[in-house]
Every structure is written in structure tokens, then in C-alpha cells.
Protein backbone atom coordinates (compact mmCIF):
# COMPACT_ATOMS: atom_id res chain seq x y z
CA MET A 1 -15.37 19.97 13.59
CA GLU A 2 -11.99 18.28 13.93
CA GLN A 3 -9.38 19.73 11.62
CA GLN A 4 -8.30 17.58 8.68
CA PHE A 5 -4.61 16.97 9.32
CA LEU A 6 -3.82 16.02 5.70
CA LYS A 7 -5.49 19.00 4.09
CA GLY A 8 -3.50 20.20 1.07
CA LYS A 9 -1.42 17.00 0.86
CA THR A 10 -1.19 14.94 -2.33
CA ALA A 11 -1.27 11.16 -1.97
CA ILE A 12 -0.95 8.23 -4.34
CA VAL A 13 -2.64 5.02 -3.21
CA THR A 14 -1.98 1.94 -5.35
CA GLY A 15 -4.42 -0.93 -5.30
CA ALA A 16 -7.10 1.62 -4.42
CA GLY A 17 -9.90 -0.19 -6.19
CA ARG A 18 -10.78 -2.64 -3.48
CA GLY A 19 -10.03 -3.95 0.01
CA ILE A 20 -7.28 -2.31 2.02
CA GLY A 21 -6.27 0.13 -0.72
CA ARG A 22 -9.80 1.40 -1.14
CA ALA A 23 -10.16 1.88 2.64
CA ILE A 24 -6.86 3.78 2.78
CA ALA A 25 -7.80 6.05 -0.12
CA ILE A 26 -11.09 6.95 1.53
CA ALA A 27 -9.45 7.51 4.93
CA LEU A 28 -6.82 9.85 3.46
CA ALA A 29 -9.45 11.81 1.58
CA ASP A 30 -11.54 12.09 4.75
CA GLN A 31 -8.53 13.81 6.31
CA GLY A 32 -8.30 16.31 3.48
CA ALA A 33 -5.73 14.70 1.19
CA CYS A 34 -6.00 14.97 -2.57
CA VAL A 35 -5.93 11.28 -3.48
CA VAL A 36 -4.82 9.74 -6.75
CA ALA A 37 -6.54 6.37 -6.66
CA ALA A 38 -4.49 3.98 -8.79
CA ALA A 39 -5.29 0.39 -9.66
CA ARG A 40 -5.46 -1.94 -12.64
CA THR A 41 -9.25 -2.20 -12.91
CA GLU A 42 -10.70 1.08 -14.16
CA SER A 43 -14.24 0.43 -12.92
CA GLU A 44 -12.97 -0.14 -9.38
CA VAL A 45 -10.87 3.03 -9.15
CA MET A 46 -13.78 4.96 -10.62
CA GLU A 47 -16.02 3.57 -7.87
CA THR A 48 -13.51 4.47 -5.15
CA THR A 49 -13.21 7.98 -6.58
CA LYS A 50 -16.98 8.34 -6.77
CA THR A 51 -17.30 7.36 -3.10
CA ILE A 52 -14.73 9.97 -2.09
CA LEU A 53 -16.30 12.71 -4.20
CA ASN A 54 -19.77 11.94 -2.83
CA LYS A 55 -18.38 12.48 0.67
CA GLY A 56 -17.01 15.86 -0.33
CA GLY A 57 -13.42 14.70 -0.72
CA ASN A 58 -10.87 15.21 -3.48
CA ALA A 59 -9.82 12.24 -5.63
CA THR A 60 -8.74 11.37 -9.14
CA PRO A 61 -8.87 7.88 -10.68
CA PHE A 62 -5.78 6.60 -12.47
CA PRO A 63 -5.93 3.10 -13.97
CA PHE A 64 -2.43 1.64 -14.23
CA ASP A 65 -0.60 -1.67 -14.39
CA LEU A 66 2.02 -2.25 -11.70
CA GLN A 67 3.67 -4.85 -13.90
CA GLU A 68 4.43 -2.28 -16.63
CA GLU A 69 7.19 0.23 -15.89
CA GLU A 70 5.84 2.69 -18.47
CA SER A 71 2.47 2.64 -16.72
CA ILE A 72 4.14 3.44 -13.39
CA HIS A 73 6.06 6.30 -14.98
CA ALA A 74 2.80 7.65 -16.41
CA LEU A 75 1.25 7.67 -12.94
CA PHE A 76 4.06 9.68 -11.35
CA THR A 77 4.36 11.99 -14.34
CA TYR A 78 0.65 12.74 -14.07
CA VAL A 79 0.98 13.64 -10.39
CA LYS A 80 4.05 15.78 -11.00
CA LYS A 81 2.34 17.76 -13.76
CA SER A 82 -1.08 18.07 -12.16
CA SER A 83 -0.42 18.31 -8.43
CA GLY A 84 3.20 19.30 -7.96
CA PRO A 85 4.97 17.80 -4.93
CA LEU A 86 4.05 14.29 -3.85
CA ASP A 87 3.55 14.15 -0.10
CA ILE A 88 2.42 10.56 0.45
CA LEU A 89 2.84 7.26 -1.37
CA ILE A 90 0.95 4.20 -0.18
CA ASN A 91 2.18 1.05 -1.95
CA ASN A 92 -0.68 -1.36 -1.41
CA ALA A 93 -1.18 -2.99 -4.82
CA GLY A 94 -0.13 -6.59 -5.17
CA ILE A 95 -1.25 -10.07 -6.11
CA GLY A 96 -1.41 -13.44 -4.41
CA ARG A 97 -0.57 -16.81 -5.93
CA TYR A 98 -0.57 -19.92 -3.77
CA GLY A 99 0.50 -23.54 -3.94
CA LEU A 100 3.01 -26.10 -2.76
CA ILE A 101 6.55 -25.22 -3.78
CA HIS A 102 7.09 -28.47 -5.70
CA GLU A 103 3.96 -27.78 -7.74
CA PHE A 104 4.40 -24.01 -8.19
CA SER A 105 4.94 -22.67 -11.70
CA SER A 106 7.85 -20.45 -12.67
CA GLN A 107 5.43 -18.05 -14.35
CA ASP A 108 3.40 -17.56 -11.17
CA LEU A 109 6.63 -16.93 -9.28
CA GLN A 110 7.74 -14.40 -11.88
CA ASP A 111 4.38 -12.60 -11.76
CA LEU A 112 4.60 -12.29 -7.98
CA LEU A 113 8.11 -10.89 -8.13
CA ASP A 114 7.32 -8.54 -11.03
CA ILE A 115 4.24 -7.03 -9.39
CA ASN A 116 4.78 -7.27 -5.64
CA VAL A 117 8.53 -6.59 -5.56
CA ARG A 118 9.65 -4.90 -8.78
CA GLY A 119 6.49 -2.79 -9.06
CA THR A 120 6.71 -1.63 -5.45
CA TYR A 121 10.42 -0.91 -5.83
CA ILE A 122 9.88 1.24 -8.92
CA CYS A 123 7.06 3.16 -7.21
CA CYS A 124 9.36 3.87 -4.26
CA ARG A 125 12.10 4.98 -6.62
CA GLU A 126 9.84 7.35 -8.55
CA ALA A 127 8.41 8.77 -5.32
CA MET A 128 11.89 9.41 -3.97
CA LYS A 129 12.78 11.28 -7.17
CA MET A 130 9.91 13.66 -6.36
CA MET A 131 10.42 13.83 -2.59
CA VAL A 132 14.20 14.26 -2.33
CA PRO A 133 14.29 17.69 -4.06
CA VAL A 134 11.74 19.07 -1.57
CA GLN A 135 13.22 17.16 1.39
CA SER A 136 9.83 15.94 2.53
CA GLY A 137 7.41 13.04 2.17
CA THR A 138 6.16 9.73 3.52
CA ILE A 139 6.20 6.30 1.89
CA ILE A 140 4.19 3.49 3.45
CA ASN A 141 4.38 -0.03 2.03
CA ILE A 142 1.68 -2.56 2.86
CA ALA A 143 3.22 -6.02 3.20
CA SER A 144 1.79 -8.88 5.27
CA VAL A 145 2.29 -11.02 8.32
CA VAL A 146 3.94 -13.46 5.91
CA GLY A 147 6.67 -10.85 5.59
CA PHE A 148 8.19 -12.37 8.71
CA LYS A 149 6.27 -15.60 9.27
CA GLY A 150 5.95 -18.64 7.03
CA TYR A 151 2.76 -20.48 6.06
CA PRO A 152 2.30 -23.59 3.90
CA ASN A 153 1.27 -23.05 0.26
CA GLN A 154 2.58 -19.48 0.37
CA SER A 155 6.33 -19.81 -0.28
CA ALA A 156 6.45 -17.52 -3.33
CA TYR A 157 3.99 -15.00 -1.91
CA THR A 158 5.94 -15.00 1.36
CA ALA A 159 9.19 -14.38 -0.51
CA SER A 160 7.68 -11.33 -2.19
CA LYS A 161 6.50 -9.88 1.10
CA HIS A 162 9.84 -10.55 2.81
CA ALA A 163 11.38 -8.56 -0.03
CA ILE A 164 9.06 -5.61 0.61
CA VAL A 165 9.90 -5.62 4.32
CA GLY A 166 13.64 -5.70 3.63
CA MET A 167 13.34 -3.06 0.93
CA THR A 168 11.50 -0.73 3.29
CA LYS A 169 14.02 -1.15 6.09
CA SER A 170 16.83 -0.03 3.77
CA LEU A 171 14.71 2.73 2.27
CA ALA A 172 13.92 4.09 5.73
CA VAL A 173 17.63 4.58 6.41
CA GLU A 174 18.29 6.15 3.01
CA ALA A 175 15.25 8.40 3.22
CA GLN A 176 15.86 9.80 6.70
CA ASN A 177 18.80 11.82 5.37
CA HIS A 178 16.27 13.71 3.23
CA HIS A 179 13.63 14.18 5.96
CA ILE A 180 11.50 11.48 4.32
CA ARG A 181 9.89 8.68 6.30
CA ALA A 182 9.41 5.12 5.05
CA SER A 183 7.42 2.50 6.93
CA VAL A 184 6.01 -0.96 6.29
CA ILE A 185 2.76 -2.29 7.72
CA ASN A 186 2.37 -6.06 8.08
CA PRO A 187 -1.34 -6.81 8.51
CA GLY A 188 -2.49 -10.16 9.79
CA GLY A 189 -5.84 -11.65 8.88
CA THR A 190 -7.90 -8.96 7.15
CA ASP A 191 -11.23 -9.48 5.42
CA THR A 192 -10.18 -9.12 1.78
CA GLU A 193 -10.55 -11.23 -1.35
CA LEU A 194 -6.83 -11.99 -1.25
CA VAL A 195 -6.99 -13.41 2.28
CA ALA A 196 -10.12 -15.39 1.39
CA ALA A 197 -8.17 -17.04 -1.44
CA ALA A 198 -5.08 -17.68 0.67
CA ARG A 199 -6.88 -18.91 3.79
CA PRO A 200 -10.35 -20.27 2.97
CA ASP A 201 -10.28 -22.02 6.35
CA LEU A 202 -10.59 -18.75 8.27
CA ASP A 203 -13.86 -17.44 9.66
CA ARG A 204 -14.10 -14.10 7.83
CA SER A 205 -16.34 -12.65 10.55
CA ALA A 206 -13.38 -12.86 12.97
CA LEU A 207 -10.95 -11.03 10.71
CA MET A 208 -9.84 -7.41 10.84
CA GLN A 209 -11.48 -5.02 8.43
CA PRO A 210 -9.62 -2.98 5.78
CA GLU A 211 -10.54 0.14 7.75
CA ASP A 212 -8.40 -1.13 10.64
CA VAL A 213 -5.33 -1.06 8.41
CA ALA A 214 -6.34 2.36 7.10
CA LYS A 215 -6.40 3.70 10.65
CA THR A 216 -2.86 2.40 11.12
CA VAL A 217 -1.80 4.36 8.02
CA LEU A 218 -3.36 7.49 9.50
CA PHE A 219 -1.49 6.87 12.75
CA LEU A 220 1.84 6.75 10.92
CA LEU A 221 1.00 9.91 9.01
CA SER A 222 0.05 11.70 12.24
CA LEU A 223 3.46 11.22 13.86
CA SER A 224 5.43 14.34 14.73
CA ASP A 225 8.54 15.19 12.75
CA ARG A 226 10.59 14.09 15.75
CA CYS A 227 9.91 10.40 15.35
CA ALA A 228 9.49 7.59 12.83
CA ILE A 229 8.30 4.00 12.88
CA ASP A 230 9.94 1.62 10.45
CA GLU A 231 7.66 -1.40 10.84
CA ILE A 232 4.26 -2.24 12.33
CA TYR A 233 2.62 -5.64 12.73
CA ILE A 234 -1.13 -5.38 13.21
CA ARG A 235 -3.04 -8.58 13.94
CA ARG A 236 -6.56 -9.62 14.77
CA ARG A 237 -7.45 -10.20 18.40
CA SER A 238 -7.23 -13.98 18.58
CA SER A 239 -5.50 -16.63 20.62
CA LYS A 240 -3.92 -17.80 17.37
CA PRO A 241 -2.55 -14.83 15.38
CA PHE A 242 -2.93 -15.18 11.60
């Protein structure tokens, strides 16, 4: 049997209740990681955890709200007290709100920035507080193809993903001085509820699957200590990339 290369590692996966986050949580657990599956909907993180446990993996559910700083602090405090060092943080949680810019509400814009940008930033900050003292760790942020490419009806969502890409690029430089790696993955069209809402015109059978993004996360985590990758764009095989 192939050795589990993440055995003994502790990982937080946000947005682990469904879609890409769920696939990542399962993939990390399959490789031996102790996964803290965090998401807003308790029933969904419980289901992800149940799937991992039924496969013989190690996982703990942690319902939390990325929009509430106290809830984020509770998540990292729980890991610190129960598991010790944090080896891996996967920032996948986020929301999508869509519409023409001249019709877009200020509240929807604020929600996108609070959750996708501020929430991700605070998670990175709290992870660094745990990783810097031990001079080790990996942070992977899941953004989107819209992090570098514009689409109609997605101006606010695109702004939030551009922010995550820029944040990660700076974090990667800061973190390398502490032997910590930070990367951002920009998936193209992936078969998730969020993509279905953003692009109802797409044929979902032609999209990537969440497991494809999870395999990219495993690739980044498998890199030797001699190298790092700051940014990856993964797209579906199509003549017209998403």
C-alpha cells in the first residue's frame, strides 16, 4: 500500500461542507491528515466528517461563520488546544453574488468583501500566528479564474478573488522567511453549485470536478522543501477556457 504522505499532519479546510472544500477535506484525510472540516452549515460538515470516518480517516467537524471574527478565532483556538501545531490551512470558503455593476447592491458587495476577502485574510493571519513559532506550514487559498480574468455580471465577485490572489502573492513572500509556503489556486469551470449560479449557460457535464482541484492541492503539498509554487491556474480541457 502506498504510504500516506500527510500522516500525522493537522489541516483546516474551510468550506468543507460541499463542492471543492468537501473534496479537498476527503483527499487530505485519504493521505493521512487529521482534518478539521469547517463550514457554516453544521449538517454539511457533519456529512463530510462522516464520509471521512467511514473511510477510516481522521476528521472533526467545526461549524463556523467566516463573516464573524470571533467564530474564526474559535476555530483556530480549538485546533491549537486539541491538535497542537497547524500544518495546513486550506482557505476555500466563500460566497458568490452576481449582477450588473449598475444594479448591484452595496450590501451584496459588502458581504462579498467581508467573507471572501476579510474572512480569508483573518484565517491566514491566525494560521501564521501558529506556524511562525514552529517555522513550518502551508497555506493554500482557493480563488478562481476570475482572479485574473473578467466576466460580465461578476464585477464584485471578481474584485474579491483578485484580492485573494494579491493577498497570497504578498503572503508567499512574507511566509518564505519562516519556511512557510503560501499558494493560490485559480480553478476554471468546476461542477459546483456556485459555478452553476454564476454560469447557468455552461454544460455541467463538460466541467472539471471538485476532485480535480483537490488533486492540485495534493500536488502542492507534495512538493519538496526546495521549491514552492505561488499560483496555479487549472482549467477544463476546452477550446474556450472558462
